[in-house]
Amino acid sequence: MIVFISGGAKNGKSSLAQDLAVALAAGRRHYYVATMIPSDDEDIDRIRHHRADREGMGFKTVECGRDILSCLPQVDKSATFLLDSATALLLNELFPDPTGGEMDVLAAERCARDLVTFAQSVENLVIVSDYIYSDAARYDALTETYRACLAKIDRMLAQVSDTVIEVTAGTYTLHKGEMPT
């Protein structure tokens, strides 16, 4: 089963995703695929919060900030996976040099293709993304490119997912499929 969760930042997506992944695992092995590569103190605090939030839930954490398929040889593909997040993974792929190097223009297509391949390679996947493309503001060209790439990835993930959930202010809207039990 593939569950796609999207919504605004700090709206409860990760907590819902954790609960759904544990439910889907039904006592079997489950992995937390962490994609954030921290770049500042806020990122470090967010990672610390996420680790504390899932403590005691039985997740085995796999750090994979780039090349998402590279983690598959080291895991049990018949397990349940929580990938948090497509947003961070795309950022890492588009901008592999965080000190200001050039954008990898081929990264978005590769990231989208690899995420779909990942989803189709494992027993259960809960994947989290942020809909940073939903406001009406206009940003600089790099940010607009990033937003457009993430929107495209999210559409592809929603298409291949069994369940699509939007989280807003701690409540969810089911757009496709059924809530896993």
N, C-alpha and C. Protein backbone atom coordinates (compact mmCIF):
# COMPACT_ATOMS: atom_id res chain seq x y z
N MET A 1 0.85 -1.18 0.00
CA MET A 1 0.00 0.00 0.00
C MET A 1 0.88 1.24 0.00
N ILE A 2 0.49 2.22 -0.78
CA ILE A 2 1.20 3.50 -0.84
C ILE A 2 0.25 4.58 -0.34
N VAL A 3 0.70 5.31 0.69
CA VAL A 3 -0.07 6.40 1.28
C VAL A 3 0.73 7.68 1.08
N PHE A 4 0.12 8.66 0.45
CA PHE A 4 0.76 9.95 0.21
C PHE A 4 0.09 10.99 1.09
N ILE A 5 0.90 11.72 1.88
CA ILE A 5 0.39 12.75 2.78
C ILE A 5 1.06 14.06 2.42
N SER A 6 0.24 15.09 2.20
CA SER A 6 0.75 16.41 1.91
C SER A 6 0.02 17.43 2.75
N GLY A 7 0.59 18.60 2.84
CA GLY A 7 -0.03 19.68 3.60
C GLY A 7 0.99 20.74 3.94
N GLY A 8 0.56 21.73 4.67
CA GLY A 8 1.44 22.82 5.06
C GLY A 8 2.43 22.39 6.13
N ALA A 9 3.45 23.21 6.29
CA ALA A 9 4.50 22.93 7.28
C ALA A 9 3.92 22.96 8.69
N LYS A 10 4.37 22.04 9.50
CA LYS A 10 4.02 21.98 10.92
C LYS A 10 2.51 21.89 11.16
N ASN A 11 1.84 21.07 10.34
CA ASN A 11 0.40 20.88 10.46
C ASN A 11 0.02 19.51 10.99
N GLY A 12 1.01 18.64 11.28
CA GLY A 12 0.72 17.32 11.82
C GLY A 12 0.92 16.18 10.84
N LYS A 13 1.52 16.45 9.69
CA LYS A 13 1.72 15.40 8.68
C LYS A 13 2.59 14.26 9.20
N SER A 14 3.70 14.61 9.82
CA SER A 14 4.63 13.57 10.28
C SER A 14 4.03 12.71 11.37
N SER A 15 3.30 13.30 12.29
CA SER A 15 2.66 12.51 13.35
C SER A 15 1.63 11.54 12.77
N LEU A 16 0.82 12.03 11.85
CA LEU A 16 -0.15 11.16 11.19
C LEU A 16 0.58 10.05 10.43
N ALA A 17 1.63 10.42 9.70
CA ALA A 17 2.39 9.44 8.92
C ALA A 17 2.98 8.36 9.82
N GLN A 18 3.51 8.75 10.96
CA GLN A 18 4.07 7.77 11.90
C GLN A 18 2.99 6.79 12.37
N ASP A 19 1.85 7.32 12.75
CA ASP A 19 0.76 6.46 13.22
C ASP A 19 0.30 5.50 12.13
N LEU A 20 0.18 6.00 10.89
CA LEU A 20 -0.26 5.15 9.80
C LEU A 20 0.78 4.09 9.46
N ALA A 21 2.05 4.45 9.50
CA ALA A 21 3.12 3.48 9.20
C ALA A 21 3.13 2.37 10.25
N VAL A 22 2.98 2.73 11.51
CA VAL A 22 2.95 1.72 12.57
C VAL A 22 1.74 0.81 12.38
N ALA A 23 0.60 1.38 12.03
CA ALA A 23 -0.61 0.57 11.79
C ALA A 23 -0.41 -0.37 10.60
N LEU A 24 0.16 0.13 9.52
CA LEU A 24 0.40 -0.71 8.35
C LEU A 24 1.41 -1.82 8.65
N ALA A 25 2.39 -1.52 9.49
CA ALA A 25 3.40 -2.52 9.83
C ALA A 25 2.80 -3.67 10.62
N ALA A 26 1.78 -3.40 11.39
CA ALA A 26 1.07 -4.42 12.16
C ALA A 26 2.04 -5.32 12.94
N GLY A 27 2.96 -4.69 13.64
CA GLY A 27 3.90 -5.44 14.49
C GLY A 27 5.14 -5.92 13.77
N ARG A 28 5.19 -5.73 12.46
CA ARG A 28 6.38 -6.15 11.69
C ARG A 28 7.37 -4.98 11.59
N ARG A 29 8.49 -5.24 10.95
CA ARG A 29 9.55 -4.25 10.80
C ARG A 29 9.03 -3.00 10.08
N HIS A 30 9.48 -1.85 10.56
CA HIS A 30 9.15 -0.59 9.89
C HIS A 30 10.33 0.38 9.99
N TYR A 31 10.53 1.07 8.89
CA TYR A 31 11.66 1.98 8.73
C TYR A 31 11.18 3.42 8.61
N TYR A 32 12.00 4.31 9.14
CA TYR A 32 11.81 5.74 8.93
C TYR A 32 12.95 6.18 8.02
N VAL A 33 12.63 6.56 6.79
CA VAL A 33 13.64 7.02 5.84
C VAL A 33 13.71 8.54 5.97
N ALA A 34 14.78 9.01 6.59
CA ALA A 34 14.98 10.43 6.86
C ALA A 34 15.75 11.06 5.70
N THR A 35 15.17 12.06 5.06
CA THR A 35 15.79 12.65 3.88
C THR A 35 16.41 14.03 4.13
N MET A 36 16.15 14.63 5.29
CA MET A 36 16.67 15.97 5.53
C MET A 36 18.17 15.94 5.79
N ILE A 37 18.88 16.79 5.09
CA ILE A 37 20.29 17.04 5.37
C ILE A 37 20.31 18.41 6.04
N PRO A 38 20.60 18.46 7.34
CA PRO A 38 20.46 19.73 8.06
C PRO A 38 21.46 20.78 7.57
N SER A 39 20.95 22.02 7.48
CA SER A 39 21.82 23.12 7.05
C SER A 39 21.89 24.24 8.07
N ASP A 40 21.06 24.17 9.10
CA ASP A 40 21.09 25.22 10.13
C ASP A 40 20.50 24.67 11.43
N ASP A 41 20.48 25.51 12.45
CA ASP A 41 19.99 25.09 13.77
C ASP A 41 18.51 24.72 13.74
N GLU A 42 17.72 25.40 12.91
CA GLU A 42 16.29 25.07 12.80
C GLU A 42 16.11 23.64 12.28
N ASP A 43 16.90 23.26 11.28
CA ASP A 43 16.85 21.89 10.76
C ASP A 43 17.24 20.88 11.82
N ILE A 44 18.28 21.19 12.57
CA ILE A 44 18.73 20.29 13.63
C ILE A 44 17.65 20.13 14.70
N ASP A 45 16.99 21.23 15.05
CA ASP A 45 15.89 21.16 16.02
C ASP A 45 14.73 20.34 15.48
N ARG A 46 14.41 20.49 14.20
CA ARG A 46 13.32 19.73 13.60
C ARG A 46 13.64 18.24 13.63
N ILE A 47 14.87 17.88 13.30
CA ILE A 47 15.29 16.47 13.33
C ILE A 47 15.19 15.94 14.76
N ARG A 48 15.65 16.70 15.72
CA ARG A 48 15.58 16.30 17.12
C ARG A 48 14.14 16.07 17.56
N HIS A 49 13.25 16.97 17.14
CA HIS A 49 11.83 16.85 17.47
C HIS A 49 11.23 15.58 16.85
N HIS A 50 11.54 15.34 15.58
CA HIS A 50 11.00 14.16 14.89
C HIS A 50 11.51 12.87 15.54
N ARG A 51 12.78 12.84 15.93
CA ARG A 51 13.32 11.65 16.60
C ARG A 51 12.60 11.41 17.93
N ALA A 52 12.42 12.47 18.70
CA ALA A 52 11.74 12.34 19.99
C ALA A 52 10.29 11.91 19.79
N ASP A 53 9.65 12.45 18.77
CA ASP A 53 8.24 12.14 18.50
C ASP A 53 8.02 10.67 18.16
N ARG A 54 8.98 10.05 17.49
CA ARG A 54 8.80 8.65 17.10
C ARG A 54 9.51 7.67 18.04
N GLU A 55 10.12 8.18 19.09
CA GLU A 55 10.79 7.32 20.06
C GLU A 55 9.79 6.33 20.66
N GLY A 56 10.20 5.08 20.73
CA GLY A 56 9.36 4.04 21.28
C GLY A 56 8.36 3.45 20.30
N MET A 57 8.38 3.93 19.05
CA MET A 57 7.42 3.44 18.05
C MET A 57 8.00 2.28 17.23
N GLY A 58 9.26 1.93 17.47
CA GLY A 58 9.85 0.77 16.82
C GLY A 58 10.45 1.01 15.45
N PHE A 59 10.57 2.27 15.04
CA PHE A 59 11.16 2.55 13.73
C PHE A 59 12.66 2.31 13.74
N LYS A 60 13.16 1.77 12.65
CA LYS A 60 14.60 1.75 12.40
C LYS A 60 14.85 2.88 11.42
N THR A 61 15.71 3.82 11.80
CA THR A 61 15.96 4.99 10.96
C THR A 61 17.03 4.70 9.93
N VAL A 62 16.73 5.10 8.70
CA VAL A 62 17.68 5.02 7.59
C VAL A 62 17.85 6.45 7.07
N GLU A 63 19.07 6.96 7.13
CA GLU A 63 19.36 8.31 6.63
C GLU A 63 19.65 8.20 5.14
N CYS A 64 18.90 8.94 4.33
CA CYS A 64 19.11 8.90 2.88
C CYS A 64 18.68 10.24 2.28
N GLY A 65 19.57 11.19 2.27
CA GLY A 65 19.26 12.53 1.80
C GLY A 65 19.32 12.71 0.30
N ARG A 66 19.92 11.77 -0.38
CA ARG A 66 20.02 11.81 -1.85
C ARG A 66 19.96 10.39 -2.37
N ASP A 67 19.65 10.24 -3.65
CA ASP A 67 19.63 8.94 -4.32
C ASP A 67 18.84 7.93 -3.50
N ILE A 68 17.55 8.15 -3.42
CA ILE A 68 16.67 7.38 -2.54
C ILE A 68 16.75 5.88 -2.78
N LEU A 69 17.03 5.47 -4.00
CA LEU A 69 17.11 4.03 -4.29
C LEU A 69 18.34 3.38 -3.67
N SER A 70 19.32 4.18 -3.29
CA SER A 70 20.55 3.62 -2.71
C SER A 70 20.32 2.97 -1.36
N CYS A 71 19.22 3.28 -0.69
CA CYS A 71 18.97 2.66 0.62
C CYS A 71 18.31 1.30 0.50
N LEU A 72 17.77 0.96 -0.66
CA LEU A 72 17.03 -0.31 -0.79
C LEU A 72 17.87 -1.56 -0.52
N PRO A 73 19.13 -1.64 -0.94
CA PRO A 73 19.89 -2.86 -0.65
C PRO A 73 20.11 -3.14 0.84
N GLN A 74 19.98 -2.13 1.69
CA GLN A 74 20.25 -2.31 3.11
C GLN A 74 19.00 -2.51 3.97
N VAL A 75 17.84 -2.65 3.34
CA VAL A 75 16.58 -2.77 4.08
C VAL A 75 15.82 -4.02 3.64
N ASP A 76 14.83 -4.38 4.45
CA ASP A 76 13.91 -5.47 4.13
C ASP A 76 12.74 -4.86 3.37
N LYS A 77 12.66 -5.08 2.08
CA LYS A 77 11.64 -4.45 1.24
C LYS A 77 10.22 -4.91 1.56
N SER A 78 10.09 -6.01 2.32
CA SER A 78 8.75 -6.45 2.69
C SER A 78 8.25 -5.72 3.94
N ALA A 79 9.01 -4.76 4.42
CA ALA A 79 8.64 -3.98 5.60
C ALA A 79 7.76 -2.79 5.20
N THR A 80 7.41 -2.00 6.18
CA THR A 80 6.69 -0.75 5.97
C THR A 80 7.67 0.40 6.11
N PHE A 81 7.54 1.39 5.24
CA PHE A 81 8.46 2.53 5.21
C PHE A 81 7.70 3.83 5.38
N LEU A 82 8.29 4.73 6.14
CA LEU A 82 7.83 6.11 6.23
C LEU A 82 8.95 6.96 5.67
N LEU A 83 8.70 7.62 4.55
CA LEU A 83 9.69 8.49 3.92
C LEU A 83 9.30 9.93 4.20
N ASP A 84 10.13 10.61 4.96
CA ASP A 84 9.85 11.98 5.38
C ASP A 84 11.09 12.83 5.09
N SER A 85 11.12 13.54 4.01
CA SER A 85 10.03 13.94 3.14
C SER A 85 10.51 14.05 1.70
N ALA A 86 9.54 14.03 0.79
CA ALA A 86 9.85 14.27 -0.63
C ALA A 86 10.36 15.69 -0.82
N THR A 87 9.89 16.60 0.00
CA THR A 87 10.29 18.00 -0.07
C THR A 87 11.79 18.16 0.15
N ALA A 88 12.30 17.56 1.23
CA ALA A 88 13.73 17.65 1.54
C ALA A 88 14.56 16.90 0.52
N LEU A 89 14.08 15.73 0.10
CA LEU A 89 14.81 14.94 -0.89
C LEU A 89 15.00 15.73 -2.18
N LEU A 90 13.94 16.36 -2.67
CA LEU A 90 14.05 17.15 -3.89
C LEU A 90 15.03 18.31 -3.71
N LEU A 91 14.96 18.99 -2.59
CA LEU A 91 15.88 20.10 -2.32
C LEU A 91 17.33 19.61 -2.40
N ASN A 92 17.61 18.49 -1.75
CA ASN A 92 18.97 17.94 -1.74
C ASN A 92 19.43 17.55 -3.14
N GLU A 93 18.51 17.02 -3.94
CA GLU A 93 18.85 16.61 -5.30
C GLU A 93 19.04 17.80 -6.23
N LEU A 94 18.18 18.79 -6.13
CA LEU A 94 18.29 19.97 -6.99
C LEU A 94 19.53 20.79 -6.69
N PHE A 95 19.87 20.88 -5.41
CA PHE A 95 20.99 21.72 -4.98
C PHE A 95 21.99 20.87 -4.19
N PRO A 96 22.76 20.03 -4.89
CA PRO A 96 23.68 19.13 -4.19
C PRO A 96 24.80 19.85 -3.44
N ASP A 97 25.10 21.08 -3.82
CA ASP A 97 26.10 21.88 -3.12
C ASP A 97 25.38 22.95 -2.31
N PRO A 98 25.19 22.73 -1.01
CA PRO A 98 24.42 23.68 -0.21
C PRO A 98 25.10 25.03 -0.04
N THR A 99 26.35 25.16 -0.45
CA THR A 99 27.04 26.44 -0.30
C THR A 99 26.78 27.37 -1.47
N GLY A 100 25.91 26.97 -2.39
CA GLY A 100 25.53 27.88 -3.45
C GLY A 100 25.93 27.45 -4.85
N GLY A 101 26.18 26.19 -5.03
CA GLY A 101 26.51 25.70 -6.37
C GLY A 101 25.31 25.76 -7.29
N GLU A 102 25.50 25.35 -8.49
CA GLU A 102 24.44 25.40 -9.49
C GLU A 102 23.38 24.34 -9.25
N MET A 103 22.18 24.64 -9.73
CA MET A 103 21.07 23.71 -9.63
C MET A 103 21.28 22.58 -10.64
N ASP A 104 21.03 21.35 -10.20
CA ASP A 104 21.09 20.19 -11.09
C ASP A 104 19.75 20.10 -11.81
N VAL A 105 19.71 20.54 -13.05
CA VAL A 105 18.45 20.64 -13.78
C VAL A 105 17.82 19.28 -14.09
N LEU A 106 18.59 18.22 -14.05
CA LEU A 106 18.06 16.89 -14.31
C LEU A 106 17.55 16.20 -13.05
N ALA A 107 17.78 16.82 -11.91
CA ALA A 107 17.48 16.18 -10.63
C ALA A 107 15.99 15.93 -10.40
N ALA A 108 15.15 16.85 -10.82
CA ALA A 108 13.72 16.71 -10.54
C ALA A 108 13.14 15.48 -11.21
N GLU A 109 13.44 15.28 -12.47
CA GLU A 109 12.95 14.09 -13.18
C GLU A 109 13.48 12.81 -12.55
N ARG A 110 14.76 12.81 -12.23
CA ARG A 110 15.38 11.64 -11.60
C ARG A 110 14.75 11.37 -10.23
N CYS A 111 14.55 12.41 -9.46
CA CYS A 111 13.96 12.28 -8.12
C CYS A 111 12.54 11.73 -8.23
N ALA A 112 11.76 12.26 -9.15
CA ALA A 112 10.38 11.79 -9.34
C ALA A 112 10.36 10.32 -9.73
N ARG A 113 11.16 9.97 -10.70
CA ARG A 113 11.23 8.58 -11.18
C ARG A 113 11.68 7.65 -10.05
N ASP A 114 12.69 8.07 -9.30
CA ASP A 114 13.21 7.22 -8.22
C ASP A 114 12.21 7.07 -7.08
N LEU A 115 11.46 8.11 -6.77
CA LEU A 115 10.44 8.00 -5.72
C LEU A 115 9.34 7.03 -6.12
N VAL A 116 8.92 7.08 -7.37
CA VAL A 116 7.90 6.14 -7.84
C VAL A 116 8.46 4.71 -7.83
N THR A 117 9.70 4.54 -8.27
CA THR A 117 10.34 3.22 -8.23
C THR A 117 10.44 2.72 -6.79
N PHE A 118 10.84 3.59 -5.88
CA PHE A 118 10.92 3.22 -4.46
C PHE A 118 9.56 2.75 -3.96
N ALA A 119 8.54 3.54 -4.25
CA ALA A 119 7.17 3.22 -3.81
C ALA A 119 6.72 1.86 -4.31
N GLN A 120 7.10 1.54 -5.53
CA GLN A 120 6.68 0.28 -6.13
C GLN A 120 7.58 -0.89 -5.75
N SER A 121 8.66 -0.61 -5.02
CA SER A 121 9.62 -1.65 -4.64
C SER A 121 9.44 -2.19 -3.23
N VAL A 122 8.62 -1.52 -2.44
CA VAL A 122 8.46 -1.92 -1.04
C VAL A 122 7.01 -2.33 -0.77
N GLU A 123 6.83 -3.08 0.30
CA GLU A 123 5.50 -3.59 0.66
C GLU A 123 4.51 -2.46 0.97
N ASN A 124 4.90 -1.59 1.88
CA ASN A 124 4.07 -0.45 2.29
C ASN A 124 4.93 0.79 2.38
N LEU A 125 4.37 1.90 1.92
CA LEU A 125 5.09 3.17 2.00
C LEU A 125 4.12 4.27 2.39
N VAL A 126 4.52 5.05 3.38
CA VAL A 126 3.85 6.29 3.72
C VAL A 126 4.85 7.38 3.39
N ILE A 127 4.46 8.29 2.51
CA ILE A 127 5.39 9.34 2.08
C ILE A 127 4.81 10.71 2.39
N VAL A 128 5.64 11.58 2.91
CA VAL A 128 5.23 12.91 3.34
C VAL A 128 5.83 13.96 2.41
N SER A 129 5.03 14.97 2.09
CA SER A 129 5.49 16.09 1.29
C SER A 129 4.81 17.36 1.79
N ASP A 130 5.40 18.50 1.47
CA ASP A 130 4.83 19.80 1.84
C ASP A 130 4.29 20.48 0.60
N TYR A 131 3.09 21.01 0.67
CA TYR A 131 2.60 21.71 -0.52
C TYR A 131 2.98 23.18 -0.45
N ILE A 132 4.26 23.40 -0.66
CA ILE A 132 4.81 24.76 -0.63
C ILE A 132 4.45 25.56 -1.89
N TYR A 133 3.73 24.94 -2.79
CA TYR A 133 3.39 25.58 -4.06
C TYR A 133 1.95 26.09 -4.06
N SER A 134 1.28 26.11 -2.93
CA SER A 134 -0.15 26.41 -2.91
C SER A 134 -0.49 27.88 -2.70
N ASP A 135 0.48 28.70 -2.34
CA ASP A 135 0.12 30.11 -2.13
C ASP A 135 0.22 30.87 -3.45
N ALA A 136 -0.27 32.09 -3.45
CA ALA A 136 -0.31 32.88 -4.67
C ALA A 136 0.90 33.80 -4.83
N ALA A 137 1.79 33.79 -3.86
CA ALA A 137 2.96 34.67 -3.93
C ALA A 137 3.90 34.23 -5.05
N ARG A 138 4.65 35.17 -5.56
CA ARG A 138 5.68 34.88 -6.57
C ARG A 138 7.04 35.04 -5.90
N TYR A 139 7.92 34.12 -6.22
CA TYR A 139 9.25 34.11 -5.62
C TYR A 139 10.30 34.22 -6.71
N ASP A 140 11.56 34.18 -6.32
CA ASP A 140 12.64 34.24 -7.28
C ASP A 140 12.61 32.99 -8.18
N ALA A 141 13.35 33.03 -9.27
CA ALA A 141 13.30 31.97 -10.28
C ALA A 141 13.68 30.60 -9.71
N LEU A 142 14.68 30.54 -8.86
CA LEU A 142 15.10 29.25 -8.29
C LEU A 142 13.99 28.65 -7.42
N THR A 143 13.38 29.49 -6.59
CA THR A 143 12.31 29.02 -5.72
C THR A 143 11.11 28.56 -6.55
N GLU A 144 10.77 29.32 -7.58
CA GLU A 144 9.65 28.94 -8.44
C GLU A 144 9.93 27.62 -9.15
N THR A 145 11.17 27.40 -9.57
CA THR A 145 11.53 26.13 -10.20
C THR A 145 11.37 24.99 -9.21
N TYR A 146 11.86 25.19 -7.99
CA TYR A 146 11.73 24.18 -6.93
C TYR A 146 10.26 23.87 -6.66
N ARG A 147 9.43 24.89 -6.52
CA ARG A 147 8.01 24.70 -6.25
C ARG A 147 7.32 23.93 -7.38
N ALA A 148 7.65 24.29 -8.62
CA ALA A 148 7.04 23.60 -9.77
C ALA A 148 7.48 22.14 -9.82
N CYS A 149 8.74 21.88 -9.52
CA CYS A 149 9.24 20.50 -9.52
C CYS A 149 8.56 19.68 -8.42
N LEU A 150 8.41 20.26 -7.24
CA LEU A 150 7.76 19.54 -6.15
C LEU A 150 6.29 19.26 -6.48
N ALA A 151 5.62 20.23 -7.08
CA ALA A 151 4.22 20.02 -7.46
C ALA A 151 4.11 18.86 -8.45
N LYS A 152 5.02 18.78 -9.39
CA LYS A 152 5.00 17.69 -10.36
C LYS A 152 5.25 16.34 -9.68
N ILE A 153 6.21 16.31 -8.78
CA ILE A 153 6.50 15.07 -8.03
C ILE A 153 5.27 14.66 -7.22
N ASP A 154 4.66 15.62 -6.55
CA ASP A 154 3.48 15.31 -5.73
C ASP A 154 2.34 14.76 -6.58
N ARG A 155 2.14 15.31 -7.76
CA ARG A 155 1.10 14.78 -8.65
C ARG A 155 1.40 13.34 -9.05
N MET A 156 2.66 13.06 -9.36
CA MET A 156 3.05 11.69 -9.73
C MET A 156 2.84 10.74 -8.56
N LEU A 157 3.23 11.17 -7.36
CA LEU A 157 3.07 10.31 -6.18
C LEU A 157 1.59 10.09 -5.87
N ALA A 158 0.79 11.12 -6.00
CA ALA A 158 -0.65 10.97 -5.76
C ALA A 158 -1.26 9.99 -6.76
N GLN A 159 -0.79 10.04 -7.97
CA GLN A 159 -1.32 9.15 -9.01
C GLN A 159 -1.04 7.68 -8.69
N VAL A 160 0.16 7.36 -8.19
CA VAL A 160 0.51 5.96 -7.94
C VAL A 160 0.09 5.50 -6.54
N SER A 161 -0.38 6.42 -5.72
CA SER A 161 -0.75 6.08 -4.34
C SER A 161 -2.14 5.48 -4.25
N ASP A 162 -2.30 4.60 -3.28
CA ASP A 162 -3.61 4.03 -2.98
C ASP A 162 -4.46 5.01 -2.18
N THR A 163 -3.79 5.78 -1.32
CA THR A 163 -4.46 6.72 -0.44
C THR A 163 -3.74 8.06 -0.52
N VAL A 164 -4.50 9.15 -0.62
CA VAL A 164 -3.94 10.50 -0.65
C VAL A 164 -4.65 11.31 0.43
N ILE A 165 -3.84 11.90 1.30
CA ILE A 165 -4.37 12.64 2.45
C ILE A 165 -3.74 14.03 2.48
N GLU A 166 -4.57 15.03 2.73
CA GLU A 166 -4.10 16.41 2.93
C GLU A 166 -4.29 16.75 4.40
N VAL A 167 -3.24 17.31 5.03
CA VAL A 167 -3.31 17.69 6.43
C VAL A 167 -3.23 19.21 6.53
N THR A 168 -4.20 19.78 7.23
CA THR A 168 -4.27 21.22 7.44
C THR A 168 -4.68 21.47 8.89
N ALA A 169 -3.85 22.21 9.59
CA ALA A 169 -4.16 22.59 10.97
C ALA A 169 -4.53 21.39 11.84
N GLY A 170 -3.81 20.28 11.63
CA GLY A 170 -4.02 19.11 12.46
C GLY A 170 -5.20 18.24 12.07
N THR A 171 -5.94 18.62 11.06
CA THR A 171 -7.04 17.79 10.58
C THR A 171 -6.70 17.30 9.18
N TYR A 172 -7.31 16.21 8.79
CA TYR A 172 -6.98 15.67 7.48
C TYR A 172 -8.21 15.56 6.60
N THR A 173 -7.93 15.63 5.29
CA THR A 173 -8.94 15.42 4.28
C THR A 173 -8.48 14.26 3.41
N LEU A 174 -9.30 13.27 3.27
CA LEU A 174 -8.99 12.12 2.45
C LEU A 174 -9.43 12.43 1.02
N HIS A 175 -8.46 12.45 0.09
CA HIS A 175 -8.76 12.77 -1.31
C HIS A 175 -8.85 11.53 -2.19
N LYS A 176 -8.27 10.43 -1.75
CA LYS A 176 -8.26 9.21 -2.57
C LYS A 176 -8.11 8.02 -1.65
N GLY A 177 -8.83 6.95 -1.95
CA GLY A 177 -8.67 5.71 -1.21
C GLY A 177 -9.30 5.76 0.17
N GLU A 178 -8.77 4.89 1.03
CA GLU A 178 -9.27 4.77 2.39
C GLU A 178 -8.13 4.90 3.38
N MET A 179 -8.47 5.30 4.61
CA MET A 179 -7.46 5.39 5.66
C MET A 179 -7.01 3.98 6.01
N PRO A 180 -5.71 3.74 6.05
CA PRO A 180 -5.22 2.42 6.49
C PRO A 180 -5.60 2.18 7.95
N THR A 181 -5.87 0.92 8.26
CA THR A 181 -6.22 0.59 9.65
C THR A 181 -5.20 -0.36 10.24
